[in-house]
Amino acid sequence: MTYYEIKPGKALQPYVKCYYVYASSTAAAFEDTVFPSGCIELVFNLGSGNWQTFTGETFVTTPAIELWGQLNRPLAIRSVGRNTMLGVRFHPHAAASLLSDQINSFNNQVVDYGAVGGGTVNSLHTRLLETRLWNKRIALVEAFLGQLIAKAGKRLNKVAVVSELMFDLRQPGAFDTMETLASRYGITARYMQQLFLQTTGLTPKLYSQISRFQQSLRLVGARNTSLTSIAYECGYSDQSHFIREFKMFTGVTPSSYSIANSPVTLAASGAELQTPESALLSLV
């Protein structure tokens, strides 16, 4: 399995966390579980294989152009055949620059963005299939995203406010209540909650929980400190609170979790961030 991340161009860095390339090295199928990350992703399938998600009853093949909404629970996935994927991982606040609908309507879903986004994104997918160098593929995606952001208009004002709110939410002890935080921006806590849902698909509380969980996941995967230490380092009130929340987002307890059993997470943990100019790998 190949996985690496590519840094976006300067103009898109406020919106795109990274681009990533995933390619399975064999046609052998494997299953994994994706955890909530706080980020919405747009994924272009460029290989001959199929990517599948579990619906609760069976695995369903995802569309050629996938929009991954916010997850607030673990999602089982399956890779079948030789998959090659180019993904766009947006900052948590930034997908509203891509979609005019309320973002939370896509939660816990993998949506066919080819149907949502119209002819332009389908034309982009065709050009990506015809292009073999990854840096040229990235250039095509950046041009497409730049056009969407240029059309976003007043929605970008909300994106900017939520970006600042999220920064405050990540600071330990930065505020006592949601009302206190909202008042700093001259808005009510109710409006702040609505703004978060419309822009990120998450409530402020759920965003904080996922952000804290992601920090704990990295520490649990490293296996070099106790669960009690991880709980307090990540801001949980106690170890039982940490275990309960970790299980809510992964389906397993921290002591049962092993990064070795998660091929996708294991590959991502060693990812190197490249520049678009260095991403010259051609499709094999």
C-alpha atoms as a PDB file:
ATOM      1  CA  MET A   1       0.000   0.000   0.000  1.00  0.00           C
ATOM      2  CA  THR A   2       1.243   3.459  -0.939  1.00  0.00           C
ATOM      3  CA  TYR A   3       0.060   6.548   0.890  1.00  0.00           C
ATOM      4  CA  TYR A   4       1.508  10.023   0.885  1.00  0.00           C
ATOM      5  CA  GLU A   5       0.249  13.552   1.395  1.00  0.00           C
ATOM      6  CA  ILE A   6       0.783  16.636  -0.755  1.00  0.00           C
ATOM      7  CA  LYS A   7       0.782  20.202   0.482  1.00  0.00           C
ATOM      8  CA  PRO A   8      -1.763  22.508  -1.185  1.00  0.00           C
ATOM      9  CA  GLY A   9      -0.750  25.688  -2.955  1.00  0.00           C
ATOM     10  CA  LYS A  10      -0.635  28.880  -0.897  1.00  0.00           C
ATOM     11  CA  ALA A  11      -4.004  30.205  -2.102  1.00  0.00           C
ATOM     12  CA  LEU A  12      -5.782  27.018  -1.018  1.00  0.00           C
ATOM     13  CA  GLN A  13      -4.005  26.399   2.292  1.00  0.00           C
ATOM     14  CA  PRO A  14      -6.749  28.172   4.328  1.00  0.00           C
ATOM     15  CA  TYR A  15      -9.238  25.627   2.940  1.00  0.00           C
ATOM     16  CA  VAL A  16      -7.355  22.406   2.138  1.00  0.00           C
ATOM     17  CA  LYS A  17      -5.460  20.547   4.855  1.00  0.00           C
ATOM     18  CA  CYS A  18      -3.729  18.292   2.324  1.00  0.00           C
ATOM     19  CA  TYR A  19      -4.156  16.218  -0.792  1.00  0.00           C
ATOM     20  CA  TYR A  20      -3.353  12.550  -0.497  1.00  0.00           C
ATOM     21  CA  VAL A  21      -2.617   9.641  -2.779  1.00  0.00           C
ATOM     22  CA  TYR A  22      -3.582   6.106  -1.851  1.00  0.00           C
ATOM     23  CA  ALA A  23      -2.778   3.086  -4.009  1.00  0.00           C
ATOM     24  CA  SER A  24      -3.155  -0.591  -3.125  1.00  0.00           C
ATOM     25  CA  SER A  25      -0.111  -2.609  -4.130  1.00  0.00           C
ATOM     26  CA  THR A  26      -2.073  -5.852  -4.737  1.00  0.00           C
ATOM     27  CA  ALA A  27      -5.582  -6.832  -5.771  1.00  0.00           C
ATOM     28  CA  ALA A  28      -6.117  -8.624  -2.445  1.00  0.00           C
ATOM     29  CA  ALA A  29      -9.188  -7.388  -0.562  1.00  0.00           C
ATOM     30  CA  PHE A  30      -8.926  -6.099   2.987  1.00  0.00           C
ATOM     31  CA  GLU A  31     -11.270  -4.540   5.522  1.00  0.00           C
ATOM     32  CA  ASP A  32     -10.618  -1.648   7.879  1.00  0.00           C
ATOM     33  CA  THR A  33     -12.476   0.939   9.947  1.00  0.00           C
ATOM     34  CA  VAL A  34     -12.414   4.708   9.444  1.00  0.00           C
ATOM     35  CA  PHE A  35     -12.754   6.889  12.544  1.00  0.00           C
ATOM     36  CA  PRO A  36     -14.160  10.423  12.906  1.00  0.00           C
ATOM     37  CA  SER A  37     -11.516  12.978  11.947  1.00  0.00           C
ATOM     38  CA  GLY A  38     -13.403  16.283  11.943  1.00  0.00           C
ATOM     39  CA  CYS A  39     -12.616  16.696   8.228  1.00  0.00           C
ATOM     40  CA  ILE A  40     -14.752  16.348   5.113  1.00  0.00           C
ATOM     41  CA  GLU A  41     -13.041  14.720   2.136  1.00  0.00           C
ATOM     42  CA  LEU A  42     -13.492  14.669  -1.622  1.00  0.00           C
ATOM     43  CA  VAL A  43     -12.055  11.513  -3.236  1.00  0.00           C
ATOM     44  CA  PHE A  44     -11.495  10.693  -6.894  1.00  0.00           C
ATOM     45  CA  ASN A  45     -11.259   6.967  -7.682  1.00  0.00           C
ATOM     46  CA  LEU A  46      -8.722   6.489 -10.467  1.00  0.00           C
ATOM     47  CA  GLY A  47      -7.961   2.753 -10.331  1.00  0.00           C
ATOM     48  CA  SER A  48      -9.615  -0.453 -11.488  1.00  0.00           C
ATOM     49  CA  GLY A  49     -10.682  -1.619  -8.019  1.00  0.00           C
ATOM     50  CA  ASN A  50     -13.663  -0.826  -5.832  1.00  0.00           C
ATOM     51  CA  TRP A  51     -13.896   0.957  -2.501  1.00  0.00           C
ATOM     52  CA  GLN A  52     -16.822  -0.113  -0.329  1.00  0.00           C
ATOM     53  CA  THR A  53     -18.488   1.089   2.883  1.00  0.00           C
ATOM     54  CA  PHE A  54     -20.662  -0.866   5.295  1.00  0.00           C
ATOM     55  CA  THR A  55     -24.268   0.323   5.468  1.00  0.00           C
ATOM     56  CA  GLY A  56     -25.252  -1.682   8.553  1.00  0.00           C
ATOM     57  CA  GLU A  57     -26.357  -4.704   6.533  1.00  0.00           C
ATOM     58  CA  THR A  58     -23.913  -5.095   3.671  1.00  0.00           C
ATOM     59  CA  PHE A  59     -20.937  -3.484   1.920  1.00  0.00           C
ATOM     60  CA  VAL A  60     -21.853  -1.063  -0.875  1.00  0.00           C
ATOM     61  CA  THR A  61     -19.473   0.128  -3.608  1.00  0.00           C
ATOM     62  CA  THR A  62     -18.773   3.845  -3.399  1.00  0.00           C
ATOM     63  CA  PRO A  63     -19.144   6.162  -6.435  1.00  0.00           C
ATOM     64  CA  ALA A  64     -16.305   7.233  -8.705  1.00  0.00           C
ATOM     65  CA  ILE A  65     -16.262  10.683  -7.068  1.00  0.00           C
ATOM     66  CA  GLU A  66     -16.847  10.399  -3.318  1.00  0.00           C
ATOM     67  CA  LEU A  67     -17.816  13.103  -0.873  1.00  0.00           C
ATOM     68  CA  TRP A  68     -17.202  11.883   2.657  1.00  0.00           C
ATOM     69  CA  GLY A  69     -19.390  13.762   5.115  1.00  0.00           C
ATOM     70  CA  GLN A  70     -18.491  14.221   8.748  1.00  0.00           C
ATOM     71  CA  LEU A  71     -18.342  10.969  10.709  1.00  0.00           C
ATOM     72  CA  ASN A  72     -19.414  10.878  14.338  1.00  0.00           C
ATOM     73  CA  ARG A  73     -19.105   7.097  14.621  1.00  0.00           C
ATOM     74  CA  PRO A  74     -16.754   4.440  13.187  1.00  0.00           C
ATOM     75  CA  LEU A  75     -17.382   3.324   9.600  1.00  0.00           C
ATOM     76  CA  ALA A  76     -16.301  -0.086   8.266  1.00  0.00           C
ATOM     77  CA  ILE A  77     -14.705  -0.046   4.800  1.00  0.00           C
ATOM     78  CA  ARG A  78     -13.408  -2.618   2.324  1.00  0.00           C
ATOM     79  CA  SER A  79     -10.862  -2.328  -0.487  1.00  0.00           C
ATOM     80  CA  VAL A  80     -11.407  -4.707  -3.407  1.00  0.00           C
ATOM     81  CA  GLY A  81      -8.917  -4.894  -6.280  1.00  0.00           C
ATOM     82  CA  ARG A  82      -6.261  -2.375  -7.243  1.00  0.00           C
ATOM     83  CA  ASN A  83      -7.479   0.946  -5.954  1.00  0.00           C
ATOM     84  CA  THR A  84      -5.852   4.252  -6.796  1.00  0.00           C
ATOM     85  CA  MET A  85      -7.336   7.315  -5.136  1.00  0.00           C
ATOM     86  CA  LEU A  86      -6.670  11.037  -5.053  1.00  0.00           C
ATOM     87  CA  GLY A  87      -8.200  12.683  -2.003  1.00  0.00           C
ATOM     88  CA  VAL A  88      -8.777  16.259  -0.882  1.00  0.00           C
ATOM     89  CA  ARG A  89      -8.904  16.638   2.910  1.00  0.00           C
ATOM     90  CA  PHE A  90     -10.525  19.944   3.815  1.00  0.00           C
ATOM     91  CA  HIS A  91      -9.963  21.815   7.037  1.00  0.00           C
ATOM     92  CA  PRO A  92     -13.002  21.210   9.279  1.00  0.00           C
ATOM     93  CA  HIS A  93     -14.461  24.654   8.597  1.00  0.00           C
ATOM     94  CA  ALA A  94     -13.717  24.843   4.895  1.00  0.00           C
ATOM     95  CA  ALA A  95     -16.034  22.411   3.116  1.00  0.00           C
ATOM     96  CA  ALA A  96     -18.703  25.134   3.147  1.00  0.00           C
ATOM     97  CA  SER A  97     -16.653  26.782   0.420  1.00  0.00           C
ATOM     98  CA  LEU A  98     -17.363  23.696  -1.697  1.00  0.00           C
ATOM     99  CA  LEU A  99     -21.023  23.043  -0.873  1.00  0.00           C
ATOM    100  CA  SER A 100     -23.919  25.451  -0.698  1.00  0.00           C
ATOM    101  CA  ASP A 101     -26.106  22.990   1.228  1.00  0.00           C
ATOM    102  CA  GLN A 102     -25.985  22.567   4.987  1.00  0.00           C
ATOM    103  CA  ILE A 103     -22.939  20.398   5.590  1.00  0.00           C
ATOM    104  CA  ASN A 104     -24.572  18.327   8.346  1.00  0.00           C
ATOM    105  CA  SER A 105     -26.990  16.839   5.780  1.00  0.00           C
ATOM    106  CA  PHE A 106     -24.036  14.751   4.538  1.00  0.00           C
ATOM    107  CA  ASN A 107     -23.041  13.397   7.969  1.00  0.00           C
ATOM    108  CA  ASN A 108     -22.124   9.696   8.184  1.00  0.00           C
ATOM    109  CA  GLN A 109     -22.538   9.300   4.416  1.00  0.00           C
ATOM    110  CA  VAL A 110     -20.387   8.777   1.365  1.00  0.00           C
ATOM    111  CA  VAL A 111     -22.213  10.836  -1.267  1.00  0.00           C
ATOM    112  CA  ASP A 112     -21.915  10.683  -5.051  1.00  0.00           C
ATOM    113  CA  TYR A 113     -20.359  14.095  -5.663  1.00  0.00           C
ATOM    114  CA  GLY A 114     -20.554  13.483  -9.396  1.00  0.00           C
ATOM    115  CA  ALA A 115     -24.336  13.799  -9.027  1.00  0.00           C
ATOM    116  CA  VAL A 116     -24.147  16.707  -6.562  1.00  0.00           C
ATOM    117  CA  GLY A 117     -21.382  18.712  -8.224  1.00  0.00           C
ATOM    118  CA  GLY A 118     -22.583  18.543 -11.823  1.00  0.00           C
ATOM    119  CA  GLY A 119     -20.777  18.379 -15.144  1.00  0.00           C
ATOM    120  CA  THR A 120     -17.666  20.319 -14.132  1.00  0.00           C
ATOM    121  CA  VAL A 121     -16.523  17.803 -11.535  1.00  0.00           C
ATOM    122  CA  ASN A 122     -17.294  14.881 -13.861  1.00  0.00           C
ATOM    123  CA  SER A 123     -15.173  16.514 -16.559  1.00  0.00           C
ATOM    124  CA  LEU A 124     -12.407  16.921 -13.988  1.00  0.00           C
ATOM    125  CA  HIS A 125     -12.590  13.217 -13.137  1.00  0.00           C
ATOM    126  CA  THR A 126     -12.213  12.325 -16.822  1.00  0.00           C
ATOM    127  CA  ARG A 127      -9.154  14.569 -17.150  1.00  0.00           C
ATOM    128  CA  LEU A 128      -7.627  13.047 -14.010  1.00  0.00           C
ATOM    129  CA  LEU A 129      -8.011   9.579 -15.516  1.00  0.00           C
ATOM    130  CA  GLU A 130      -6.283  10.774 -18.697  1.00  0.00           C
ATOM    131  CA  THR A 131      -3.384  12.432 -16.827  1.00  0.00           C
ATOM    132  CA  ARG A 132      -0.567  10.231 -15.545  1.00  0.00           C
ATOM    133  CA  LEU A 133       1.664  12.556 -13.488  1.00  0.00           C
ATOM    134  CA  TRP A 134       0.466  13.298  -9.983  1.00  0.00           C
ATOM    135  CA  ASN A 135       1.692  16.895  -9.920  1.00  0.00           C
ATOM    136  CA  LYS A 136      -0.402  17.612 -13.017  1.00  0.00           C
ATOM    137  CA  ARG A 137      -3.385  15.936 -11.402  1.00  0.00           C
ATOM    138  CA  ILE A 138      -2.954  18.151  -8.351  1.00  0.00           C
ATOM    139  CA  ALA A 139      -2.816  21.207 -10.602  1.00  0.00           C
ATOM    140  CA  LEU A 140      -6.136  20.208 -12.181  1.00  0.00           C
ATOM    141  CA  VAL A 141      -7.778  19.747  -8.778  1.00  0.00           C
ATOM    142  CA  GLU A 142      -6.413  23.063  -7.515  1.00  0.00           C
ATOM    143  CA  ALA A 143      -7.821  24.904 -10.523  1.00  0.00           C
ATOM    144  CA  PHE A 144     -11.213  23.288  -9.912  1.00  0.00           C
ATOM    145  CA  LEU A 145     -11.242  24.168  -6.203  1.00  0.00           C
ATOM    146  CA  GLY A 146     -10.089  27.706  -6.920  1.00  0.00           C
ATOM    147  CA  GLN A 147     -13.109  28.211  -9.168  1.00  0.00           C
ATOM    148  CA  LEU A 148     -15.496  26.899  -6.483  1.00  0.00           C
ATOM    149  CA  ILE A 149     -14.023  29.176  -3.831  1.00  0.00           C
ATOM    150  CA  ALA A 150     -14.266  32.168  -6.165  1.00  0.00           C
ATOM    151  CA  LYS A 151     -18.000  31.462  -6.474  1.00  0.00           C
ATOM    152  CA  ALA A 152     -18.547  30.963  -2.718  1.00  0.00           C
ATOM    153  CA  GLY A 153     -19.040  34.694  -2.078  1.00  0.00           C
ATOM    154  CA  LYS A 154     -20.484  35.576   1.334  1.00  0.00           C
ATOM    155  CA  ARG A 155     -20.209  31.979   2.543  1.00  0.00           C
ATOM    156  CA  LEU A 156     -16.474  32.603   2.991  1.00  0.00           C
ATOM    157  CA  ASN A 157     -17.238  35.156   5.727  1.00  0.00           C
ATOM    158  CA  LYS A 158     -18.851  32.403   7.808  1.00  0.00           C
ATOM    159  CA  VAL A 159     -15.942  30.084   7.036  1.00  0.00           C
ATOM    160  CA  ALA A 160     -13.500  32.657   8.427  1.00  0.00           C
ATOM    161  CA  VAL A 161     -15.494  33.140  11.656  1.00  0.00           C
ATOM    162  CA  VAL A 162     -15.764  29.397  12.278  1.00  0.00           C
ATOM    163  CA  SER A 163     -12.030  28.995  11.649  1.00  0.00           C
ATOM    164  CA  GLU A 164     -11.320  31.450  14.472  1.00  0.00           C
ATOM    165  CA  LEU A 165     -13.874  29.788  16.763  1.00  0.00           C
ATOM    166  CA  MET A 166     -12.266  26.408  16.171  1.00  0.00           C
ATOM    167  CA  PHE A 167      -8.863  27.781  17.073  1.00  0.00           C
ATOM    168  CA  ASP A 168     -10.288  28.983  20.395  1.00  0.00           C
ATOM    169  CA  LEU A 169     -11.962  25.623  21.018  1.00  0.00           C
ATOM    170  CA  ARG A 170      -8.629  23.836  20.685  1.00  0.00           C
ATOM    171  CA  GLN A 171      -7.018  25.942  23.412  1.00  0.00           C
ATOM    172  CA  PRO A 172      -7.149  24.250  26.836  1.00  0.00           C
ATOM    173  CA  GLY A 173      -8.997  26.340  29.381  1.00  0.00           C
ATOM    174  CA  ALA A 174      -9.668  29.097  26.867  1.00  0.00           C
ATOM    175  CA  PHE A 175     -13.310  29.476  27.911  1.00  0.00           C
ATOM    176  CA  ASP A 176     -15.730  28.274  30.568  1.00  0.00           C
ATOM    177  CA  THR A 177     -18.928  27.890  28.544  1.00  0.00           C
ATOM    178  CA  MET A 178     -20.143  28.103  24.976  1.00  0.00           C
ATOM    179  CA  GLU A 179     -21.904  31.329  25.960  1.00  0.00           C
ATOM    180  CA  THR A 180     -18.575  32.836  27.002  1.00  0.00           C
ATOM    181  CA  LEU A 181     -16.934  31.879  23.720  1.00  0.00           C
ATOM    182  CA  ALA A 182     -19.843  33.126  21.616  1.00  0.00           C
ATOM    183  CA  SER A 183     -19.886  36.460  23.424  1.00  0.00           C
ATOM    184  CA  ARG A 184     -16.295  37.118  22.336  1.00  0.00           C
ATOM    185  CA  TYR A 185     -17.573  37.244  18.770  1.00  0.00           C
ATOM    186  CA  GLY A 186     -20.725  39.198  19.539  1.00  0.00           C
ATOM    187  CA  ILE A 187     -23.042  36.279  18.775  1.00  0.00           C
ATOM    188  CA  THR A 188     -25.309  34.032  20.840  1.00  0.00           C
ATOM    189  CA  ALA A 189     -24.426  30.446  21.743  1.00  0.00           C
ATOM    190  CA  ARG A 190     -27.457  29.287  19.737  1.00  0.00           C
ATOM    191  CA  TYR A 191     -26.295  31.103  16.603  1.00  0.00           C
ATOM    192  CA  MET A 192     -22.769  29.751  17.091  1.00  0.00           C
ATOM    193  CA  GLN A 193     -24.168  26.221  17.201  1.00  0.00           C
ATOM    194  CA  GLN A 194     -26.173  26.811  14.004  1.00  0.00           C
ATOM    195  CA  LEU A 195     -23.127  28.317  12.304  1.00  0.00           C
ATOM    196  CA  PHE A 196     -21.003  25.294  13.223  1.00  0.00           C
ATOM    197  CA  LEU A 197     -23.590  22.832  11.939  1.00  0.00           C
ATOM    198  CA  GLN A 198     -24.057  24.683   8.653  1.00  0.00           C
ATOM    199  CA  THR A 199     -20.334  25.126   8.063  1.00  0.00           C
ATOM    200  CA  THR A 200     -18.710  21.989   9.501  1.00  0.00           C
ATOM    201  CA  GLY A 201     -21.494  19.452  10.027  1.00  0.00           C
ATOM    202  CA  LEU A 202     -20.587  19.342  13.729  1.00  0.00           C
ATOM    203  CA  THR A 203     -21.690  21.088  16.886  1.00  0.00           C
ATOM    204  CA  PRO A 204     -18.947  22.928  18.808  1.00  0.00           C
ATOM    205  CA  LYS A 205     -19.070  20.232  21.500  1.00  0.00           C
ATOM    206  CA  LEU A 206     -18.734  17.375  19.013  1.00  0.00           C
ATOM    207  CA  TYR A 207     -15.892  19.148  17.220  1.00  0.00           C
ATOM    208  CA  SER A 208     -14.053  19.479  20.535  1.00  0.00           C
ATOM    209  CA  GLN A 209     -14.656  15.800  21.307  1.00  0.00           C
ATOM    210  CA  ILE A 210     -13.350  14.641  17.925  1.00  0.00           C
ATOM    211  CA  SER A 211     -10.320  16.923  18.129  1.00  0.00           C
ATOM    212  CA  ARG A 212      -9.497  15.531  21.567  1.00  0.00           C
ATOM    213  CA  PHE A 213     -10.117  11.961  20.384  1.00  0.00           C
ATOM    214  CA  GLN A 214      -7.740  12.368  17.433  1.00  0.00           C
ATOM    215  CA  GLN A 215      -5.002  13.523  19.787  1.00  0.00           C
ATOM    216  CA  SER A 216      -5.613  10.522  22.046  1.00  0.00           C
ATOM    217  CA  LEU A 217      -5.648   8.137  19.055  1.00  0.00           C
ATOM    218  CA  ARG A 218      -2.110   9.157  18.103  1.00  0.00           C
ATOM    219  CA  LEU A 219      -0.909   8.625  21.664  1.00  0.00           C
ATOM    220  CA  VAL A 220      -2.650   5.259  22.029  1.00  0.00           C
ATOM    221  CA  GLY A 221      -1.151   4.123  18.725  1.00  0.00           C
ATOM    222  CA  ALA A 222       2.346   5.036  19.917  1.00  0.00           C
ATOM    223  CA  ARG A 223       1.965   2.783  22.995  1.00  0.00           C
ATOM    224  CA  ASN A 224       4.562   4.639  25.038  1.00  0.00           C
ATOM    225  CA  THR A 225       2.460   6.084  27.867  1.00  0.00           C
ATOM    226  CA  SER A 226      -0.296   4.955  30.228  1.00  0.00           C
ATOM    227  CA  LEU A 227      -4.000   5.408  29.556  1.00  0.00           C
ATOM    228  CA  THR A 228      -4.275   7.604  32.643  1.00  0.00           C
ATOM    229  CA  SER A 229      -1.540   9.902  31.334  1.00  0.00           C
ATOM    230  CA  ILE A 230      -3.187  10.053  27.900  1.00  0.00           C
ATOM    231  CA  ALA A 231      -6.542  10.888  29.472  1.00  0.00           C
ATOM    232  CA  TYR A 232      -5.204  13.873  31.380  1.00  0.00           C
ATOM    233  CA  GLU A 233      -2.885  15.048  28.587  1.00  0.00           C
ATOM    234  CA  CYS A 234      -5.844  15.184  26.194  1.00  0.00           C
ATOM    235  CA  GLY A 235      -8.108  16.980  28.639  1.00  0.00           C
ATOM    236  CA  TYR A 236     -10.454  14.197  29.759  1.00  0.00           C
ATOM    237  CA  SER A 237     -11.817  14.468  33.280  1.00  0.00           C
ATOM    238  CA  ASP A 238     -10.646  10.951  34.143  1.00  0.00           C
ATOM    239  CA  GLN A 239      -9.648   7.624  32.584  1.00  0.00           C
ATOM    240  CA  SER A 240     -13.202   6.234  32.451  1.00  0.00           C
ATOM    241  CA  HIS A 241     -14.352   9.335  30.525  1.00  0.00           C
ATOM    242  CA  PHE A 242     -11.492   8.821  28.070  1.00  0.00           C
ATOM    243  CA  ILE A 243     -12.255   5.100  27.577  1.00  0.00           C
ATOM    244  CA  ARG A 244     -15.961   5.752  27.066  1.00  0.00           C
ATOM    245  CA  GLU A 245     -15.383   8.437  24.440  1.00  0.00           C
ATOM    246  CA  PHE A 246     -12.629   6.471  22.672  1.00  0.00           C
ATOM    247  CA  LYS A 247     -14.974   3.498  22.323  1.00  0.00           C
ATOM    248  CA  MET A 248     -17.750   5.749  21.009  1.00  0.00           C
ATOM    249  CA  PHE A 249     -15.524   6.860  18.116  1.00  0.00           C
ATOM    250  CA  THR A 250     -13.726   3.570  17.391  1.00  0.00           C
ATOM    251  CA  GLY A 251     -15.952   0.733  18.613  1.00  0.00           C
ATOM    252  CA  VAL A 252     -13.145  -0.628  20.808  1.00  0.00           C
ATOM    253  CA  THR A 253     -11.465   0.336  24.062  1.00  0.00           C
ATOM    254  CA  PRO A 254      -8.012   1.996  24.031  1.00  0.00           C
ATOM    255  CA  SER A 255      -6.408  -1.141  25.473  1.00  0.00           C
ATOM    256  CA  SER A 256      -7.920  -3.245  22.646  1.00  0.00           C
ATOM    257  CA  TYR A 257      -6.945  -0.883  19.854  1.00  0.00           C
ATOM    258  CA  SER A 258      -3.898  -1.702  17.723  1.00  0.00           C
ATOM    259  CA  ILE A 259      -2.761   0.429  14.816  1.00  0.00           C
ATOM    260  CA  ALA A 260      -1.283  -2.737  13.261  1.00  0.00           C
ATOM    261  CA  ASN A 261      -4.838  -3.981  12.640  1.00  0.00           C
ATOM    262  CA  SER A 262      -5.708  -0.856  10.649  1.00  0.00           C
ATOM    263  CA  PRO A 263      -3.875  -0.857   7.283  1.00  0.00           C
ATOM    264  CA  VAL A 264      -5.118   2.594   6.277  1.00  0.00           C
ATOM    265  CA  THR A 265      -4.255   4.231   9.612  1.00  0.00           C
ATOM    266  CA  LEU A 266      -0.880   2.477   9.673  1.00  0.00           C
ATOM    267  CA  ALA A 267      -0.030   3.745   6.178  1.00  0.00           C
ATOM    268  CA  ALA A 268      -1.174   7.270   7.037  1.00  0.00           C
ATOM    269  CA  SER A 269       0.883   7.350  10.243  1.00  0.00           C
ATOM    270  CA  GLY A 270       4.094   7.238   8.231  1.00  0.00           C
ATOM    271  CA  ALA A 271       2.985   9.645   5.523  1.00  0.00           C
ATOM    272  CA  GLU A 272       5.390  12.271   4.262  1.00  0.00           C
ATOM    273  CA  LEU A 273       4.132  15.693   3.222  1.00  0.00           C
ATOM    274  CA  GLN A 274       5.317  16.534  -0.283  1.00  0.00           C
ATOM    275  CA  THR A 275       5.041  19.622  -2.436  1.00  0.00           C
ATOM    276  CA  PRO A 276       3.048  19.414  -5.679  1.00  0.00           C
ATOM    277  CA  GLU A 277       6.299  19.802  -7.631  1.00  0.00           C
ATOM    278  CA  SER A 278       7.776  16.699  -5.997  1.00  0.00           C
ATOM    279  CA  ALA A 279       4.696  14.551  -6.641  1.00  0.00           C
ATOM    280  CA  LEU A 280       5.934  13.248  -9.971  1.00  0.00           C
ATOM    281  CA  LEU A 281       4.962   9.612  -9.504  1.00  0.00           C
ATOM    282  CA  SER A 282       3.245   8.293 -12.618  1.00  0.00           C
ATOM    283  CA  LEU A 283       0.439   5.763 -12.499  1.00  0.00           C
ATOM    284  CA  VAL A 284       1.871   2.241 -12.631  1.00  0.00           C
END
